[in-house]
Amino acid sequence: ARQQRYKEAEAAYLRSIEIGKALRDDGILAQVYRNYALLLQKTDVDEAMRYLEESLRLNKRQNDRRGIEIVQRSVEKLQARRQKQQSLRPALPNVAIGESDHGATEAPKPAGSEEES
């Protein structure tokens, strides 16, 4: 039941991202990216960090000081969580996840994180 609610929440955030993009509303996107990152942080810290970074970029572009402060606090908390996880993880060989004979796969960027021209 909990896993089903997680999947429903994830789908709702992804729909919200699509709506924010369609509306070209950076304020909505910044908030949704941050909130989606909070959902992701329990399962994928790296992906959550990418969404927080994108949220921070959008807040800075809008000069939204309150949004910047909120996202920066979220980044700090997530970095602390990442450090704690790494300190608890046993030493493993230096092999990237998804690495093959062709090298490590590149992690995807958050949807809508294209750089402006």
PDB file of N, CA and C in Angstrom:
ATOM      1  N   ALA A   1       0.831  -1.200   0.000  1.00  0.00           N
ATOM      2  CA  ALA A   1       0.000   0.000   0.000  1.00  0.00           C
ATOM      3  C   ALA A   1       0.874   1.263   0.000  1.00  0.00           C
ATOM      4  N   ARG A   2       1.921   1.244   0.799  1.00  0.00           N
ATOM      5  CA  ARG A   2       2.797   2.411   0.866  1.00  0.00           C
ATOM      6  C   ARG A   2       3.511   2.640  -0.462  1.00  0.00           C
ATOM      7  N   GLN A   3       3.973   1.555  -1.068  1.00  0.00           N
ATOM      8  CA  GLN A   3       4.652   1.649  -2.361  1.00  0.00           C
ATOM      9  C   GLN A   3       3.707   2.192  -3.424  1.00  0.00           C
ATOM     10  N   GLN A   4       2.456   1.791  -3.371  1.00  0.00           N
ATOM     11  CA  GLN A   4       1.465   2.288  -4.323  1.00  0.00           C
ATOM     12  C   GLN A   4       1.252   3.792  -4.150  1.00  0.00           C
ATOM     13  N   ARG A   5       1.192   4.264  -2.910  1.00  0.00           N
ATOM     14  CA  ARG A   5       1.020   5.702  -2.657  1.00  0.00           C
ATOM     15  C   ARG A   5       2.240   6.479  -3.135  1.00  0.00           C
ATOM     16  N   TYR A   6       3.418   5.896  -2.959  1.00  0.00           N
ATOM     17  CA  TYR A   6       4.640   6.540  -3.448  1.00  0.00           C
ATOM     18  C   TYR A   6       4.573   6.706  -4.964  1.00  0.00           C
ATOM     19  N   LYS A   7       4.176   5.639  -5.661  1.00  0.00           N
ATOM     20  CA  LYS A   7       4.074   5.698  -7.124  1.00  0.00           C
ATOM     21  C   LYS A   7       3.029   6.718  -7.566  1.00  0.00           C
ATOM     22  N   GLU A   8       1.926   6.814  -6.832  1.00  0.00           N
ATOM     23  CA  GLU A   8       0.891   7.802  -7.148  1.00  0.00           C
ATOM     24  C   GLU A   8       1.421   9.218  -6.951  1.00  0.00           C
ATOM     25  N   ALA A   9       2.163   9.428  -5.868  1.00  0.00           N
ATOM     26  CA  ALA A   9       2.742  10.745  -5.606  1.00  0.00           C
ATOM     27  C   ALA A   9       3.748  11.110  -6.689  1.00  0.00           C
ATOM     28  N   GLU A  10       4.568  10.150  -7.062  1.00  0.00           N
ATOM     29  CA  GLU A  10       5.558  10.392  -8.112  1.00  0.00           C
ATOM     30  C   GLU A  10       4.870  10.770  -9.426  1.00  0.00           C
ATOM     31  N   ALA A  11       3.816  10.056  -9.782  1.00  0.00           N
ATOM     32  CA  ALA A  11       3.078  10.357 -11.011  1.00  0.00           C
ATOM     33  C   ALA A  11       2.462  11.757 -10.950  1.00  0.00           C
ATOM     34  N   ALA A  12       1.953  12.131  -9.784  1.00  0.00           N
ATOM     35  CA  ALA A  12       1.351  13.458  -9.629  1.00  0.00           C
ATOM     36  C   ALA A  12       2.409  14.547  -9.799  1.00  0.00           C
ATOM     37  N   TYR A  13       3.597  14.344  -9.244  1.00  0.00           N
ATOM     38  CA  TYR A  13       4.668  15.340  -9.405  1.00  0.00           C
ATOM     39  C   TYR A  13       5.090  15.445 -10.862  1.00  0.00           C
ATOM     40  N   LEU A  14       5.196  14.311 -11.535  1.00  0.00           N
ATOM     41  CA  LEU A  14       5.597  14.351 -12.939  1.00  0.00           C
ATOM     42  C   LEU A  14       4.545  15.067 -13.791  1.00  0.00           C
ATOM     43  N   ARG A  15       3.268  14.869 -13.477  1.00  0.00           N
ATOM     44  CA  ARG A  15       2.212  15.612 -14.177  1.00  0.00           C
ATOM     45  C   ARG A  15       2.322  17.106 -13.876  1.00  0.00           C
ATOM     46  N   SER A  16       2.612  17.445 -12.621  1.00  0.00           N
ATOM     47  CA  SER A  16       2.761  18.847 -12.235  1.00  0.00           C
ATOM     48  C   SER A  16       3.927  19.504 -12.971  1.00  0.00           C
ATOM     49  N   ILE A  17       4.996  18.754 -13.162  1.00  0.00           N
ATOM     50  CA  ILE A  17       6.144  19.278 -13.915  1.00  0.00           C
ATOM     51  C   ILE A  17       5.720  19.562 -15.351  1.00  0.00           C
ATOM     52  N   GLU A  18       4.987  18.648 -15.949  1.00  0.00           N
ATOM     53  CA  GLU A  18       4.506  18.870 -17.323  1.00  0.00           C
ATOM     54  C   GLU A  18       3.636  20.123 -17.411  1.00  0.00           C
ATOM     55  N   ILE A  19       2.766  20.300 -16.430  1.00  0.00           N
ATOM     56  CA  ILE A  19       1.886  21.478 -16.422  1.00  0.00           C
ATOM     57  C   ILE A  19       2.700  22.751 -16.263  1.00  0.00           C
ATOM     58  N   GLY A  20       3.664  22.742 -15.335  1.00  0.00           N
ATOM     59  CA  GLY A  20       4.519  23.910 -15.130  1.00  0.00           C
ATOM     60  C   GLY A  20       5.280  24.284 -16.383  1.00  0.00           C
ATOM     61  N   LYS A  21       5.753  23.265 -17.107  1.00  0.00           N
ATOM     62  CA  LYS A  21       6.470  23.527 -18.365  1.00  0.00           C
ATOM     63  C   LYS A  21       5.521  24.088 -19.415  1.00  0.00           C
ATOM     64  N   ALA A  22       4.328  23.501 -19.506  1.00  0.00           N
ATOM     65  CA  ALA A  22       3.350  23.962 -20.498  1.00  0.00           C
ATOM     66  C   ALA A  22       2.966  25.422 -20.227  1.00  0.00           C
ATOM     67  N   LEU A  23       2.871  25.775 -18.961  1.00  0.00           N
ATOM     68  CA  LEU A  23       2.525  27.146 -18.585  1.00  0.00           C
ATOM     69  C   LEU A  23       3.730  28.088 -18.635  1.00  0.00           C
ATOM     70  N   ARG A  24       4.906  27.484 -18.786  1.00  0.00           N
ATOM     71  CA  ARG A  24       6.162  28.245 -18.740  1.00  0.00           C
ATOM     72  C   ARG A  24       6.251  29.078 -17.458  1.00  0.00           C
ATOM     73  N   ASP A  25       5.906  28.416 -16.359  1.00  0.00           N
ATOM     74  CA  ASP A  25       5.877  29.085 -15.057  1.00  0.00           C
ATOM     75  C   ASP A  25       7.031  28.567 -14.196  1.00  0.00           C
ATOM     76  N   ASP A  26       8.112  29.354 -14.166  1.00  0.00           N
ATOM     77  CA  ASP A  26       9.297  28.944 -13.400  1.00  0.00           C
ATOM     78  C   ASP A  26       9.019  28.853 -11.910  1.00  0.00           C
ATOM     79  N   GLY A  27       8.103  29.667 -11.414  1.00  0.00           N
ATOM     80  CA  GLY A  27       7.763  29.618  -9.990  1.00  0.00           C
ATOM     81  C   GLY A  27       7.145  28.284  -9.617  1.00  0.00           C
ATOM     82  N   ILE A  28       6.199  27.835 -10.432  1.00  0.00           N
ATOM     83  CA  ILE A  28       5.584  26.525 -10.187  1.00  0.00           C
ATOM     84  C   ILE A  28       6.627  25.423 -10.327  1.00  0.00           C
ATOM     85  N   LEU A  29       7.419  25.484 -11.380  1.00  0.00           N
ATOM     86  CA  LEU A  29       8.434  24.447 -11.595  1.00  0.00           C
ATOM     87  C   LEU A  29       9.426  24.384 -10.440  1.00  0.00           C
ATOM     88  N   ALA A  30       9.871  25.533  -9.954  1.00  0.00           N
ATOM     89  CA  ALA A  30      10.828  25.552  -8.847  1.00  0.00           C
ATOM     90  C   ALA A  30      10.242  24.853  -7.626  1.00  0.00           C
ATOM     91  N   GLN A  31       8.982  25.139  -7.324  1.00  0.00           N
ATOM     92  CA  GLN A  31       8.336  24.517  -6.167  1.00  0.00           C
ATOM     93  C   GLN A  31       8.133  23.023  -6.373  1.00  0.00           C
ATOM     94  N   VAL A  32       7.677  22.651  -7.563  1.00  0.00           N
ATOM     95  CA  VAL A  32       7.428  21.228  -7.826  1.00  0.00           C
ATOM     96  C   VAL A  32       8.739  20.458  -7.824  1.00  0.00           C
ATOM     97  N   TYR A  33       9.797  21.017  -8.423  1.00  0.00           N
ATOM     98  CA  TYR A  33      11.099  20.339  -8.404  1.00  0.00           C
ATOM     99  C   TYR A  33      11.561  20.104  -6.969  1.00  0.00           C
ATOM    100  N   ARG A  34      11.408  21.108  -6.113  1.00  0.00           N
ATOM    101  CA  ARG A  34      11.827  20.948  -4.721  1.00  0.00           C
ATOM    102  C   ARG A  34      11.004  19.868  -4.032  1.00  0.00           C
ATOM    103  N   ASN A  35       9.701  19.926  -4.199  1.00  0.00           N
ATOM    104  CA  ASN A  35       8.846  18.944  -3.538  1.00  0.00           C
ATOM    105  C   ASN A  35       9.080  17.532  -4.070  1.00  0.00           C
ATOM    106  N   TYR A  36       9.305  17.414  -5.361  1.00  0.00           N
ATOM    107  CA  TYR A  36       9.601  16.106  -5.941  1.00  0.00           C
ATOM    108  C   TYR A  36      10.922  15.586  -5.377  1.00  0.00           C
ATOM    109  N   ALA A  37      11.882  16.466  -5.204  1.00  0.00           N
ATOM    110  CA  ALA A  37      13.167  16.070  -4.621  1.00  0.00           C
ATOM    111  C   ALA A  37      12.973  15.516  -3.212  1.00  0.00           C
ATOM    112  N   LEU A  38      12.067  16.119  -2.457  1.00  0.00           N
ATOM    113  CA  LEU A  38      11.807  15.627  -1.104  1.00  0.00           C
ATOM    114  C   LEU A  38      11.243  14.208  -1.142  1.00  0.00           C
ATOM    115  N   LEU A  39      10.437  13.912  -2.152  1.00  0.00           N
ATOM    116  CA  LEU A  39       9.922  12.556  -2.312  1.00  0.00           C
ATOM    117  C   LEU A  39      11.053  11.595  -2.708  1.00  0.00           C
ATOM    118  N   LEU A  40      11.900  12.044  -3.638  1.00  0.00           N
ATOM    119  CA  LEU A  40      12.976  11.193  -4.148  1.00  0.00           C
ATOM    120  C   LEU A  40      14.081  10.918  -3.134  1.00  0.00           C
ATOM    121  N   GLN A  41      14.261  11.801  -2.169  1.00  0.00           N
ATOM    122  CA  GLN A  41      15.426  11.702  -1.287  1.00  0.00           C
ATOM    123  C   GLN A  41      15.528  10.380  -0.545  1.00  0.00           C
ATOM    124  N   LYS A  42      14.423   9.695  -0.357  1.00  0.00           N
ATOM    125  CA  LYS A  42      14.473   8.413   0.353  1.00  0.00           C
ATOM    126  C   LYS A  42      14.912   7.265  -0.541  1.00  0.00           C
ATOM    127  N   THR A  43      14.766   7.434  -1.855  1.00  0.00           N
ATOM    128  CA  THR A  43      15.097   6.337  -2.764  1.00  0.00           C
ATOM    129  C   THR A  43      16.269   6.645  -3.689  1.00  0.00           C
ATOM    130  N   ASP A  44      16.509   7.922  -3.992  1.00  0.00           N
ATOM    131  CA  ASP A  44      17.566   8.281  -4.939  1.00  0.00           C
ATOM    132  C   ASP A  44      18.111   9.667  -4.589  1.00  0.00           C
ATOM    133  N   VAL A  45      19.084   9.689  -3.707  1.00  0.00           N
ATOM    134  CA  VAL A  45      19.638  10.947  -3.210  1.00  0.00           C
ATOM    135  C   VAL A  45      20.242  11.778  -4.343  1.00  0.00           C
ATOM    136  N   ASP A  46      20.930  11.138  -5.257  1.00  0.00           N
ATOM    137  CA  ASP A  46      21.568  11.875  -6.353  1.00  0.00           C
ATOM    138  C   ASP A  46      20.536  12.546  -7.255  1.00  0.00           C
ATOM    139  N   GLU A  47      19.484  11.816  -7.594  1.00  0.00           N
ATOM    140  CA  GLU A  47      18.424  12.395  -8.438  1.00  0.00           C
ATOM    141  C   GLU A  47      17.712  13.516  -7.680  1.00  0.00           C
ATOM    142  N   ALA A  48      17.489  13.326  -6.397  1.00  0.00           N
ATOM    143  CA  ALA A  48      16.866  14.374  -5.582  1.00  0.00           C
ATOM    144  C   ALA A  48      17.727  15.637  -5.603  1.00  0.00           C
ATOM    145  N   MET A  49      19.034  15.469  -5.519  1.00  0.00           N
ATOM    146  CA  MET A  49      19.937  16.624  -5.543  1.00  0.00           C
ATOM    147  C   MET A  49      19.855  17.349  -6.881  1.00  0.00           C
ATOM    148  N   ARG A  50      19.746  16.614  -7.967  1.00  0.00           N
ATOM    149  CA  ARG A  50      19.621  17.261  -9.282  1.00  0.00           C
ATOM    150  C   ARG A  50      18.357  18.120  -9.359  1.00  0.00           C
ATOM    151  N   TYR A  51      17.265  17.613  -8.820  1.00  0.00           N
ATOM    152  CA  TYR A  51      16.028  18.403  -8.841  1.00  0.00           C
ATOM    153  C   TYR A  51      16.140  19.627  -7.929  1.00  0.00           C
ATOM    154  N   LEU A  52      16.807  19.485  -6.806  1.00  0.00           N
ATOM    155  CA  LEU A  52      17.015  20.646  -5.936  1.00  0.00           C
ATOM    156  C   LEU A  52      17.882  21.691  -6.618  1.00  0.00           C
ATOM    157  N   GLU A  53      18.921  21.253  -7.303  1.00  0.00           N
ATOM    158  CA  GLU A  53      19.790  22.189  -8.018  1.00  0.00           C
ATOM    159  C   GLU A  53      19.022  22.935  -9.100  1.00  0.00           C
ATOM    160  N   GLU A  54      18.136  22.231  -9.789  1.00  0.00           N
ATOM    161  CA  GLU A  54      17.323  22.881 -10.822  1.00  0.00           C
ATOM    162  C   GLU A  54      16.336  23.864 -10.191  1.00  0.00           C
ATOM    163  N   SER A  55      15.763  23.493  -9.064  1.00  0.00           N
ATOM    164  CA  SER A  55      14.863  24.392  -8.347  1.00  0.00           C
ATOM    165  C   SER A  55      15.608  25.650  -7.912  1.00  0.00           C
ATOM    166  N   LEU A  56      16.807  25.474  -7.397  1.00  0.00           N
ATOM    167  CA  LEU A  56      17.620  26.613  -6.971  1.00  0.00           C
ATOM    168  C   LEU A  56      17.936  27.521  -8.152  1.00  0.00           C
ATOM    169  N   ARG A  57      18.276  26.929  -9.288  1.00  0.00           N
ATOM    170  CA  ARG A  57      18.575  27.727 -10.487  1.00  0.00           C
ATOM    171  C   ARG A  57      17.366  28.567 -10.902  1.00  0.00           C
ATOM    172  N   LEU A  58      16.185  27.961 -10.888  1.00  0.00           N
ATOM    173  CA  LEU A  58      14.972  28.690 -11.269  1.00  0.00           C
ATOM    174  C   LEU A  58      14.637  29.793 -10.266  1.00  0.00           C
ATOM    175  N   ASN A  59      14.817  29.506  -8.981  1.00  0.00           N
ATOM    176  CA  ASN A  59      14.562  30.528  -7.959  1.00  0.00           C
ATOM    177  C   ASN A  59      15.529  31.699  -8.105  1.00  0.00           C
ATOM    178  N   LYS A  60      16.786  31.402  -8.417  1.00  0.00           N
ATOM    179  CA  LYS A  60      17.766  32.474  -8.613  1.00  0.00           C
ATOM    180  C   LYS A  60      17.417  33.297  -9.838  1.00  0.00           C
ATOM    181  N   ARG A  61      16.983  32.632 -10.897  1.00  0.00           N
ATOM    182  CA  ARG A  61      16.617  33.344 -12.118  1.00  0.00           C
ATOM    183  C   ARG A  61      15.461  34.316 -11.864  1.00  0.00           C
ATOM    184  N   GLN A  62      14.573  33.943 -10.958  1.00  0.00           N
ATOM    185  CA  GLN A  62      13.439  34.798 -10.611  1.00  0.00           C
ATOM    186  C   GLN A  62      13.757  35.767  -9.477  1.00  0.00           C
ATOM    187  N   ASN A  63      14.953  35.648  -8.919  1.00  0.00           N
ATOM    188  CA  ASN A  63      15.355  36.447  -7.760  1.00  0.00           C
ATOM    189  C   ASN A  63      14.378  36.253  -6.592  1.00  0.00           C
ATOM    190  N   ASP A  64      13.954  35.002  -6.398  1.00  0.00           N
ATOM    191  CA  ASP A  64      13.027  34.646  -5.318  1.00  0.00           C
ATOM    192  C   ASP A  64      13.849  34.289  -4.082  1.00  0.00           C
ATOM    193  N   ARG A  65      14.097  35.282  -3.251  1.00  0.00           N
ATOM    194  CA  ARG A  65      14.975  35.074  -2.089  1.00  0.00           C
ATOM    195  C   ARG A  65      14.433  34.024  -1.128  1.00  0.00           C
ATOM    196  N   ARG A  66      13.140  34.051  -0.901  1.00  0.00           N
ATOM    197  CA  ARG A  66      12.542  33.063   0.009  1.00  0.00           C
ATOM    198  C   ARG A  66      12.694  31.654  -0.585  1.00  0.00           C
ATOM    199  N   GLY A  67      12.410  31.509  -1.876  1.00  0.00           N
ATOM    200  CA  GLY A  67      12.569  30.216  -2.524  1.00  0.00           C
ATOM    201  C   GLY A  67      14.009  29.735  -2.471  1.00  0.00           C
ATOM    202  N   ILE A  68      14.953  30.656  -2.681  1.00  0.00           N
ATOM    203  CA  ILE A  68      16.377  30.315  -2.615  1.00  0.00           C
ATOM    204  C   ILE A  68      16.730  29.787  -1.232  1.00  0.00           C
ATOM    205  N   GLU A  69      16.277  30.485  -0.188  1.00  0.00           N
ATOM    206  CA  GLU A  69      16.579  30.064   1.188  1.00  0.00           C
ATOM    207  C   GLU A  69      16.007  28.677   1.487  1.00  0.00           C
ATOM    208  N   ILE A  70      14.769  28.454   1.072  1.00  0.00           N
ATOM    209  CA  ILE A  70      14.120  27.165   1.333  1.00  0.00           C
ATOM    210  C   ILE A  70      14.874  26.037   0.635  1.00  0.00           C
ATOM    211  N   VAL A  71      15.229  26.242  -0.622  1.00  0.00           N
ATOM    212  CA  VAL A  71      15.927  25.192  -1.375  1.00  0.00           C
ATOM    213  C   VAL A  71      17.330  24.987  -0.816  1.00  0.00           C
ATOM    214  N   GLN A  72      18.009  26.064  -0.434  1.00  0.00           N
ATOM    215  CA  GLN A  72      19.355  25.905   0.132  1.00  0.00           C
ATOM    216  C   GLN A  72      19.313  25.077   1.411  1.00  0.00           C
ATOM    217  N   ARG A  73      18.293  25.280   2.241  1.00  0.00           N
ATOM    218  CA  ARG A  73      18.157  24.455   3.454  1.00  0.00           C
ATOM    219  C   ARG A  73      17.920  22.993   3.079  1.00  0.00           C
ATOM    220  N   SER A  74      17.101  22.766   2.050  1.00  0.00           N
ATOM    221  CA  SER A  74      16.848  21.393   1.602  1.00  0.00           C
ATOM    222  C   SER A  74      18.126  20.747   1.070  1.00  0.00           C
ATOM    223  N   VAL A  75      18.927  21.523   0.338  1.00  0.00           N
ATOM    224  CA  VAL A  75      20.207  21.013  -0.185  1.00  0.00           C
ATOM    225  C   VAL A  75      21.125  20.629   0.974  1.00  0.00           C
ATOM    226  N   GLU A  76      21.214  21.496   1.982  1.00  0.00           N
ATOM    227  CA  GLU A  76      22.075  21.210   3.138  1.00  0.00           C
ATOM    228  C   GLU A  76      21.644  19.931   3.849  1.00  0.00           C
ATOM    229  N   LYS A  77      20.333  19.764   4.026  1.00  0.00           N
ATOM    230  CA  LYS A  77      19.833  18.557   4.692  1.00  0.00           C
ATOM    231  C   LYS A  77      20.123  17.317   3.855  1.00  0.00           C
ATOM    232  N   LEU A  78      19.949  17.432   2.552  1.00  0.00           N
ATOM    233  CA  LEU A  78      20.199  16.286   1.676  1.00  0.00           C
ATOM    234  C   LEU A  78      21.688  15.936   1.628  1.00  0.00           C
ATOM    235  N   GLN A  79      22.545  16.958   1.637  1.00  0.00           N
ATOM    236  CA  GLN A  79      23.987  16.701   1.669  1.00  0.00           C
ATOM    237  C   GLN A  79      24.372  15.979   2.960  1.00  0.00           C
ATOM    238  N   ALA A  80      23.773  16.378   4.075  1.00  0.00           N
ATOM    239  CA  ALA A  80      24.043  15.711   5.349  1.00  0.00           C
ATOM    240  C   ALA A  80      23.580  14.257   5.292  1.00  0.00           C
ATOM    241  N   ARG A  81      22.420  14.025   4.689  1.00  0.00           N
ATOM    242  CA  ARG A  81      21.910  12.656   4.543  1.00  0.00           C
ATOM    243  C   ARG A  81      22.857  11.828   3.677  1.00  0.00           C
ATOM    244  N   ARG A  82      23.330  12.423   2.577  1.00  0.00           N
ATOM    245  CA  ARG A  82      24.245  11.731   1.661  1.00  0.00           C
ATOM    246  C   ARG A  82      25.534  11.363   2.396  1.00  0.00           C
ATOM    247  N   GLN A  83      26.074  12.305   3.170  1.00  0.00           N
ATOM    248  CA  GLN A  83      27.307  12.027   3.916  1.00  0.00           C
ATOM    249  C   GLN A  83      27.099  10.913   4.932  1.00  0.00           C
ATOM    250  N   LYS A  84      25.943  10.923   5.588  1.00  0.00           N
ATOM    251  CA  LYS A  84      25.653   9.886   6.573  1.00  0.00           C
ATOM    252  C   LYS A  84      25.565   8.525   5.890  1.00  0.00           C
ATOM    253  N   GLN A  85      24.878   8.475   4.742  1.00  0.00           N
ATOM    254  CA  GLN A  85      24.769   7.216   4.009  1.00  0.00           C
ATOM    255  C   GLN A  85      26.138   6.714   3.573  1.00  0.00           C
ATOM    256  N   GLN A  86      26.989   7.625   3.103  1.00  0.00           N
ATOM    257  CA  GLN A  86      28.316   7.228   2.642  1.00  0.00           C
ATOM    258  C   GLN A  86      29.182   6.744   3.793  1.00  0.00           C
ATOM    259  N   SER A  87      29.016   7.332   4.969  1.00  0.00           N
ATOM    260  CA  SER A  87      29.826   6.899   6.100  1.00  0.00           C
ATOM    261  C   SER A  87      29.384   5.539   6.616  1.00  0.00           C
ATOM    262  N   LEU A  88      28.125   5.179   6.363  1.00  0.00           N
ATOM    263  CA  LEU A  88      27.621   3.882   6.806  1.00  0.00           C
ATOM    264  C   LEU A  88      27.865   2.778   5.789  1.00  0.00           C
ATOM    265  N   ARG A  89      28.134   3.158   4.551  1.00  0.00           N
ATOM    266  CA  ARG A  89      28.333   2.206   3.467  1.00  0.00           C
ATOM    267  C   ARG A  89      29.731   1.589   3.574  1.00  0.00           C
ATOM    268  N   PRO A  90      29.834   0.273   3.459  1.00  0.00           N
ATOM    269  CA  PRO A  90      31.160  -0.350   3.486  1.00  0.00           C
ATOM    270  C   PRO A  90      31.955   0.054   2.245  1.00  0.00           C
ATOM    271  N   ALA A  91      33.251   0.020   2.371  1.00  0.00           N
ATOM    272  CA  ALA A  91      34.112   0.379   1.237  1.00  0.00           C
ATOM    273  C   ALA A  91      33.883  -0.603   0.095  1.00  0.00           C
ATOM    274  N   LEU A  92      33.595  -0.056  -1.076  1.00  0.00           N
ATOM    275  CA  LEU A  92      33.365  -0.862  -2.264  1.00  0.00           C
ATOM    276  C   LEU A  92      34.384  -0.480  -3.329  1.00  0.00           C
ATOM    277  N   PRO A  93      34.634  -1.360  -4.264  1.00  0.00           N
ATOM    278  CA  PRO A  93      35.534  -0.994  -5.359  1.00  0.00           C
ATOM    279  C   PRO A  93      35.004   0.245  -6.071  1.00  0.00           C
ATOM    280  N   ASN A  94      35.875   1.008  -6.651  1.00  0.00           N
ATOM    281  CA  ASN A  94      35.511   2.254  -7.319  1.00  0.00           C
ATOM    282  C   ASN A  94      34.941   1.953  -8.707  1.00  0.00           C
ATOM    283  N   VAL A  95      33.692   1.454  -8.737  1.00  0.00           N
ATOM    284  CA  VAL A  95      33.019   1.125  -9.985  1.00  0.00           C
ATOM    285  C   VAL A  95      31.688   1.856  -9.996  1.00  0.00           C
ATOM    286  N   ALA A  96      31.433   2.592 -11.062  1.00  0.00           N
ATOM    287  CA  ALA A  96      30.181   3.331 -11.170  1.00  0.00           C
ATOM    288  C   ALA A  96      29.040   2.377 -11.475  1.00  0.00           C
ATOM    289  N   ILE A  97      27.888   2.688 -10.925  1.00  0.00           N
ATOM    290  CA  ILE A  97      26.692   1.906 -11.227  1.00  0.00           C
ATOM    291  C   ILE A  97      26.383   2.065 -12.702  1.00  0.00           C
ATOM    292  N   GLY A  98      26.097   0.973 -13.367  1.00  0.00           N
ATOM    293  CA  GLY A  98      25.782   1.021 -14.791  1.00  0.00           C
ATOM    294  C   GLY A  98      27.022   0.975 -15.661  1.00  0.00           C
ATOM    295  N   GLU A  99      28.204   0.811 -15.047  1.00  0.00           N
ATOM    296  CA  GLU A  99      29.430   0.791 -15.828  1.00  0.00           C
ATOM    297  C   GLU A  99      29.523  -0.524 -16.596  1.00  0.00           C
ATOM    298  N   SER A 100      29.983  -0.441 -17.803  1.00  0.00           N
ATOM    299  CA  SER A 100      30.187  -1.615 -18.633  1.00  0.00           C
ATOM    300  C   SER A 100      31.507  -1.447 -19.365  1.00  0.00           C
ATOM    301  N   ASP A 101      31.718  -2.260 -20.363  1.00  0.00           N
ATOM    302  CA  ASP A 101      32.935  -2.136 -21.156  1.00  0.00           C
ATOM    303  C   ASP A 101      33.024  -0.789 -21.849  1.00  0.00           C
ATOM    304  N   HIS A 102      31.879  -0.123 -21.982  1.00  0.00           N
ATOM    305  CA  HIS A 102      31.831   1.163 -22.673  1.00  0.00           C
ATOM    306  C   HIS A 102      31.930   2.337 -21.714  1.00  0.00           C
ATOM    307  N   GLY A 103      32.121   2.109 -20.426  1.00  0.00           N
ATOM    308  CA  GLY A 103      32.219   3.183 -19.449  1.00  0.00           C
ATOM    309  C   GLY A 103      30.909   3.371 -18.708  1.00  0.00           C
ATOM    310  N   ALA A 104      30.926   4.255 -17.720  1.00  0.00           N
ATOM    311  CA  ALA A 104      29.755   4.498 -16.892  1.00  0.00           C
ATOM    312  C   ALA A 104      28.678   5.208 -17.703  1.00  0.00           C
ATOM    313  N   THR A 105      27.445   4.867 -17.403  1.00  0.00           N
ATOM    314  CA  THR A 105      26.344   5.564 -18.058  1.00  0.00           C
ATOM    315  C   THR A 105      26.157   6.918 -17.403  1.00  0.00           C
ATOM    316  N   GLU A 106      25.755   7.884 -18.186  1.00  0.00           N
ATOM    317  CA  GLU A 106      25.548   9.230 -17.662  1.00  0.00           C
ATOM    318  C   GLU A 106      24.172   9.314 -17.027  1.00  0.00           C
ATOM    319  N   ALA A 107      24.106   9.922 -15.853  1.00  0.00           N
ATOM    320  CA  ALA A 107      22.823  10.080 -15.165  1.00  0.00           C
ATOM    321  C   ALA A 107      21.979  11.102 -15.909  1.00  0.00           C
ATOM    322  N   PRO A 108      20.678  10.856 -15.976  1.00  0.00           N
ATOM    323  CA  PRO A 108      19.814  11.809 -16.687  1.00  0.00           C
ATOM    324  C   PRO A 108      19.650  13.087 -15.902  1.00  0.00           C
ATOM    325  N   LYS A 109      19.440  14.191 -16.621  1.00  0.00           N
ATOM    326  CA  LYS A 109      19.141  15.461 -15.984  1.00  0.00           C
ATOM    327  C   LYS A 109      17.655  15.499 -15.695  1.00  0.00           C
ATOM    328  N   PRO A 110      17.233  16.301 -14.700  1.00  0.00           N
ATOM    329  CA  PRO A 110      15.798  16.428 -14.463  1.00  0.00           C
ATOM    330  C   PRO A 110      15.088  16.924 -15.710  1.00  0.00           C
ATOM    331  N   ALA A 111      13.890  16.486 -15.891  1.00  0.00           N
ATOM    332  CA  ALA A 111      13.095  16.930 -17.033  1.00  0.00           C
ATOM    333  C   ALA A 111      12.987  18.444 -17.004  1.00  0.00           C
ATOM    334  N   GLY A 112      13.203  19.063 -18.159  1.00  0.00           N
ATOM    335  CA  GLY A 112      13.054  20.524 -18.252  1.00  0.00           C
ATOM    336  C   GLY A 112      14.258  21.295 -17.793  1.00  0.00           C
ATOM    337  N   SER A 113      15.403  20.641 -17.670  1.00  0.00           N
ATOM    338  CA  SER A 113      16.583  21.345 -17.172  1.00  0.00           C
ATOM    339  C   SER A 113      17.497  21.807 -18.293  1.00  0.00           C
ATOM    340  N   GLU A 114      16.935  21.954 -19.480  1.00  0.00           N
ATOM    341  CA  GLU A 114      17.751  22.408 -20.606  1.00  0.00           C
ATOM    342  C   GLU A 114      18.280  23.801 -20.309  1.00  0.00           C
ATOM    343  N   GLU A 115      19.494  24.026 -20.688  1.00  0.00           N
ATOM    344  CA  GLU A 115      20.094  25.349 -20.518  1.00  0.00           C
ATOM    345  C   GLU A 115      19.506  26.306 -21.526  1.00  0.00           C
ATOM    346  N   GLU A 116      19.346  27.542 -21.104  1.00  0.00           N
ATOM    347  CA  GLU A 116      18.814  28.550 -22.021  1.00  0.00           C
ATOM    348  C   GLU A 116      19.907  29.013 -22.948  1.00  0.00           C
ATOM    349  N   SER A 117      19.522  29.399 -24.151  1.00  0.00           N
ATOM    350  CA  SER A 117      20.486  29.880 -25.121  1.00  0.00           C
ATOM    351  C   SER A 117      20.682  31.356 -24.986  1.00  0.00           C
TER     352      SER A 117
END
